[in-house]
Structure formats: C-alpha cells, structure tokens
Amino acid sequence: MMENKNLVYVLTRITIGVSMLGHGLVRLPKIAKFSEGMVKKFADSMLPDFLVSPFGYALTVAEFVIGILLVLGLFTKKASVGGMVVMISLIFGSCLVENWAVINSQLIHAAFFAFLIWFLHLNSWSLDNLFKK
C-alpha cells in the first residue's frame, strides 16, 4: 500500500517536473524574444517594462531549473515551493492583463505543487532520499 503511494508521488513529481522543464526548455533558445513578447502583453497593464522584461528571463530559467530538480527529485521541497511562487506570480500577472483563460492551468499547476509539498514524506524515490542515507 505504501509503495503505491510512493509510486503516485514520484509519477506526479515527474509529471509536473516535465511540464515545468518543457516550458523552460522551449523558451531558452528564444529567451529574449519571449521576454519581449511578455513586455508587449503587459504594455497596457500597471506593471512597468523594467519589471516585466527581467521577469521574462527569470521565469524561463526558473521553469527550466525547477523542472530539472523535480524530475530528478533533488531539493524537491525547495523546487516545489519555488514552483508555487512561480505560479503565484503568473496568476497575479494573468489577473493584471485579464487573461482569465490561462488561470485555470496555472491553478492546476499550483495544486500539483501543493500536493508535492503536502505529501513530501512520500518522496522516497528521489535523489533527495538517496543522499539522505
């Protein structure tokens, strides 16, 4: 029974990790263009360009790093908390530009991160657990 819970945890961790990794990976080669696109999307919002532009760069790197860490099960708690902070930022930004359609996806990601944090004790199949021993 416990092994099934551990299996569900590792598969969930890898699933959300692959999602984050994929988001970051496809944006890395075009990171400047992605950041410029974000500036255009937020042009009519209350956020100034000097905040939006660096966020586009940081978001890409954060998604990539969080994704790798989660796939590996390394620093899982920190990566999951980081993922939750990313989602909070994205939800706030989506609200500012009234992009209500994407918030559902962001909330689903946030729920996955909440699951990873809540059930961290099931993270037995991970590099974290390997290095603990």
C-alpha atoms as a PDB file:
ATOM      1  CA  MET A   1       0.000   0.000   0.000  1.00  0.00           C
ATOM      2  CA  MET A   2       2.735   2.483   0.957  1.00  0.00           C
ATOM      3  CA  GLU A   3       4.634   1.576  -2.201  1.00  0.00           C
ATOM      4  CA  ASN A   4       1.634   2.627  -4.312  1.00  0.00           C
ATOM      5  CA  LYS A   5       1.565   5.999  -2.566  1.00  0.00           C
ATOM      6  CA  ASN A   6       5.288   6.419  -3.235  1.00  0.00           C
ATOM      7  CA  LEU A   7       4.719   5.486  -6.878  1.00  0.00           C
ATOM      8  CA  VAL A   8       1.923   8.040  -7.214  1.00  0.00           C
ATOM      9  CA  TYR A   9       4.161  10.669  -5.636  1.00  0.00           C
ATOM     10  CA  VAL A  10       7.135  10.034  -7.903  1.00  0.00           C
ATOM     11  CA  LEU A  11       4.960   9.956 -11.031  1.00  0.00           C
ATOM     12  CA  THR A  12       3.237  13.182 -10.001  1.00  0.00           C
ATOM     13  CA  ARG A  13       6.578  14.818  -9.210  1.00  0.00           C
ATOM     14  CA  ILE A  14       7.973  13.800 -12.595  1.00  0.00           C
ATOM     15  CA  THR A  15       4.795  14.891 -14.403  1.00  0.00           C
ATOM     16  CA  ILE A  16       4.831  18.440 -13.056  1.00  0.00           C
ATOM     17  CA  GLY A  17       8.612  18.481 -13.427  1.00  0.00           C
ATOM     18  CA  VAL A  18       8.362  17.626 -17.122  1.00  0.00           C
ATOM     19  CA  SER A  19       5.747  20.343 -17.582  1.00  0.00           C
ATOM     20  CA  MET A  20       7.995  22.965 -16.000  1.00  0.00           C
ATOM     21  CA  LEU A  21      11.094  21.651 -17.770  1.00  0.00           C
ATOM     22  CA  GLY A  22       9.278  21.727 -21.106  1.00  0.00           C
ATOM     23  CA  HIS A  23       8.091  25.298 -20.594  1.00  0.00           C
ATOM     24  CA  GLY A  24      11.610  26.461 -19.800  1.00  0.00           C
ATOM     25  CA  LEU A  25      13.377  24.307 -22.380  1.00  0.00           C
ATOM     26  CA  VAL A  26      11.446  25.588 -25.388  1.00  0.00           C
ATOM     27  CA  ARG A  27      11.866  29.197 -24.264  1.00  0.00           C
ATOM     28  CA  LEU A  28      15.605  29.107 -23.510  1.00  0.00           C
ATOM     29  CA  PRO A  29      16.752  29.320 -27.156  1.00  0.00           C
ATOM     30  CA  LYS A  30      14.424  32.283 -27.729  1.00  0.00           C
ATOM     31  CA  ILE A  31      14.563  33.829 -24.261  1.00  0.00           C
ATOM     32  CA  ALA A  32      14.995  37.431 -25.480  1.00  0.00           C
ATOM     33  CA  LYS A  33      12.069  37.101 -27.877  1.00  0.00           C
ATOM     34  CA  PHE A  34       9.949  35.535 -25.120  1.00  0.00           C
ATOM     35  CA  SER A  35      10.771  38.391 -22.740  1.00  0.00           C
ATOM     36  CA  GLU A  36       9.956  40.976 -25.430  1.00  0.00           C
ATOM     37  CA  GLY A  37       6.637  39.217 -26.029  1.00  0.00           C
ATOM     38  CA  MET A  38       5.809  39.470 -22.345  1.00  0.00           C
ATOM     39  CA  VAL A  39       6.571  43.201 -22.399  1.00  0.00           C
ATOM     40  CA  LYS A  40       4.095  43.590 -25.280  1.00  0.00           C
ATOM     41  CA  LYS A  41       1.422  41.556 -23.452  1.00  0.00           C
ATOM     42  CA  PHE A  42       1.826  43.729 -20.353  1.00  0.00           C
ATOM     43  CA  ALA A  43       2.063  47.062 -22.205  1.00  0.00           C
ATOM     44  CA  ASP A  44      -1.424  48.117 -21.075  1.00  0.00           C
ATOM     45  CA  SER A  45      -1.039  46.795 -17.535  1.00  0.00           C
ATOM     46  CA  MET A  46       0.103  48.701 -14.468  1.00  0.00           C
ATOM     47  CA  LEU A  47       3.470  46.871 -14.491  1.00  0.00           C
ATOM     48  CA  PRO A  48       6.346  48.884 -15.945  1.00  0.00           C
ATOM     49  CA  ASP A  49       8.512  47.373 -18.689  1.00  0.00           C
ATOM     50  CA  PHE A  50      11.584  47.460 -16.440  1.00  0.00           C
ATOM     51  CA  LEU A  51       9.892  44.833 -14.226  1.00  0.00           C
ATOM     52  CA  VAL A  52       8.293  42.719 -16.942  1.00  0.00           C
ATOM     53  CA  SER A  53      11.378  42.249 -19.114  1.00  0.00           C
ATOM     54  CA  PRO A  54      13.652  40.721 -16.448  1.00  0.00           C
ATOM     55  CA  PHE A  55      10.747  38.610 -15.214  1.00  0.00           C
ATOM     56  CA  GLY A  56      10.538  37.004 -18.662  1.00  0.00           C
ATOM     57  CA  TYR A  57      14.165  35.956 -18.393  1.00  0.00           C
ATOM     58  CA  ALA A  58      13.860  34.817 -14.776  1.00  0.00           C
ATOM     59  CA  LEU A  59      10.662  32.882 -15.498  1.00  0.00           C
ATOM     60  CA  THR A  60      12.293  30.875 -18.266  1.00  0.00           C
ATOM     61  CA  VAL A  61      15.303  29.954 -16.131  1.00  0.00           C
ATOM     62  CA  ALA A  62      13.119  29.218 -13.085  1.00  0.00           C
ATOM     63  CA  GLU A  63      10.830  26.890 -15.045  1.00  0.00           C
ATOM     64  CA  PHE A  64      13.817  25.050 -16.513  1.00  0.00           C
ATOM     65  CA  VAL A  65      15.669  24.645 -13.195  1.00  0.00           C
ATOM     66  CA  ILE A  66      12.560  23.736 -11.192  1.00  0.00           C
ATOM     67  CA  GLY A  67      11.671  21.176 -13.847  1.00  0.00           C
ATOM     68  CA  ILE A  68      15.081  19.506 -13.771  1.00  0.00           C
ATOM     69  CA  LEU A  69      15.125  19.411  -9.966  1.00  0.00           C
ATOM     70  CA  LEU A  70      11.674  17.855  -9.787  1.00  0.00           C
ATOM     71  CA  VAL A  71      12.382  15.242 -12.451  1.00  0.00           C
ATOM     72  CA  LEU A  72      15.489  14.236 -10.505  1.00  0.00           C
ATOM     73  CA  GLY A  73      13.856  14.534  -7.104  1.00  0.00           C
ATOM     74  CA  LEU A  74      16.606  16.852  -5.939  1.00  0.00           C
ATOM     75  CA  PHE A  75      15.806  19.662  -3.498  1.00  0.00           C
ATOM     76  CA  THR A  76      12.181  18.638  -4.002  1.00  0.00           C
ATOM     77  CA  LYS A  77      10.726  20.829  -1.258  1.00  0.00           C
ATOM     78  CA  LYS A  78      12.607  23.940  -2.382  1.00  0.00           C
ATOM     79  CA  ALA A  79      11.781  23.256  -6.035  1.00  0.00           C
ATOM     80  CA  SER A  80       8.100  22.752  -5.188  1.00  0.00           C
ATOM     81  CA  VAL A  81       7.942  25.944  -3.131  1.00  0.00           C
ATOM     82  CA  GLY A  82       9.731  27.732  -5.978  1.00  0.00           C
ATOM     83  CA  GLY A  83       7.182  26.331  -8.400  1.00  0.00           C
ATOM     84  CA  MET A  84       4.363  27.593  -6.212  1.00  0.00           C
ATOM     85  CA  VAL A  85       5.947  31.073  -6.120  1.00  0.00           C
ATOM     86  CA  VAL A  86       6.209  30.997  -9.927  1.00  0.00           C
ATOM     87  CA  MET A  87       2.515  30.072 -10.164  1.00  0.00           C
ATOM     88  CA  ILE A  88       1.506  32.829  -7.745  1.00  0.00           C
ATOM     89  CA  SER A  89       3.447  35.312  -9.892  1.00  0.00           C
ATOM     90  CA  LEU A  90       1.885  34.020 -13.100  1.00  0.00           C
ATOM     91  CA  ILE A  91      -1.632  34.114 -11.659  1.00  0.00           C
ATOM     92  CA  PHE A  92      -1.081  37.689 -10.474  1.00  0.00           C
ATOM     93  CA  GLY A  93       0.215  38.681 -13.908  1.00  0.00           C
ATOM     94  CA  SER A  94      -2.694  36.963 -15.646  1.00  0.00           C
ATOM     95  CA  CYS A  95      -5.109  38.919 -13.468  1.00  0.00           C
ATOM     96  CA  LEU A  96      -3.379  42.204 -14.311  1.00  0.00           C
ATOM     97  CA  VAL A  97      -3.884  41.644 -18.048  1.00  0.00           C
ATOM     98  CA  GLU A  98      -7.272  39.979 -17.554  1.00  0.00           C
ATOM     99  CA  ASN A  99      -6.117  36.756 -19.198  1.00  0.00           C
ATOM    100  CA  TRP A 100      -8.670  34.658 -17.336  1.00  0.00           C
ATOM    101  CA  ALA A 101      -8.382  31.713 -19.736  1.00  0.00           C
ATOM    102  CA  VAL A 102      -4.898  30.689 -18.560  1.00  0.00           C
ATOM    103  CA  ILE A 103      -5.540  30.959 -14.834  1.00  0.00           C
ATOM    104  CA  ASN A 104      -7.174  27.517 -14.709  1.00  0.00           C
ATOM    105  CA  SER A 105      -3.975  25.918 -15.988  1.00  0.00           C
ATOM    106  CA  GLN A 106      -1.899  27.910 -13.524  1.00  0.00           C
ATOM    107  CA  LEU A 107      -4.165  26.871 -10.649  1.00  0.00           C
ATOM    108  CA  ILE A 108      -3.840  23.226 -11.676  1.00  0.00           C
ATOM    109  CA  HIS A 109      -0.052  23.577 -11.615  1.00  0.00           C
ATOM    110  CA  ALA A 110      -0.326  25.222  -8.186  1.00  0.00           C
ATOM    111  CA  ALA A 111      -2.421  22.280  -6.946  1.00  0.00           C
ATOM    112  CA  PHE A 112       0.275  19.866  -8.131  1.00  0.00           C
ATOM    113  CA  PHE A 113       2.916  21.841  -6.238  1.00  0.00           C
ATOM    114  CA  ALA A 114       0.699  21.862  -3.136  1.00  0.00           C
ATOM    115  CA  PHE A 115       0.401  18.068  -3.428  1.00  0.00           C
ATOM    116  CA  LEU A 116       4.190  17.717  -3.665  1.00  0.00           C
ATOM    117  CA  ILE A 117       4.734  19.868  -0.594  1.00  0.00           C
ATOM    118  CA  TRP A 118       1.917  18.303   1.450  1.00  0.00           C
ATOM    119  CA  PHE A 119       2.987  14.724   0.756  1.00  0.00           C
ATOM    120  CA  LEU A 120       6.743  15.282   0.753  1.00  0.00           C
ATOM    121  CA  HIS A 121       7.141  12.369   3.183  1.00  0.00           C
ATOM    122  CA  LEU A 122       6.283  10.057   0.250  1.00  0.00           C
ATOM    123  CA  ASN A 123       9.273  11.290  -1.761  1.00  0.00           C
ATOM    124  CA  SER A 124      11.196   8.057  -1.237  1.00  0.00           C
ATOM    125  CA  TRP A 125      12.149   7.503  -4.886  1.00  0.00           C
ATOM    126  CA  SER A 126      14.350  10.562  -5.339  1.00  0.00           C
ATOM    127  CA  LEU A 127      17.889  11.848  -5.213  1.00  0.00           C
ATOM    128  CA  ASP A 128      16.898  13.644  -2.014  1.00  0.00           C
ATOM    129  CA  ASN A 129      16.208  10.315  -0.350  1.00  0.00           C
ATOM    130  CA  LEU A 130      19.350   8.719  -1.804  1.00  0.00           C
ATOM    131  CA  PHE A 131      21.565  11.500  -0.424  1.00  0.00           C
ATOM    132  CA  LYS A 132      19.886  11.347   2.997  1.00  0.00           C
ATOM    133  CA  LYS A 133      21.200   7.839   3.529  1.00  0.00           C
END
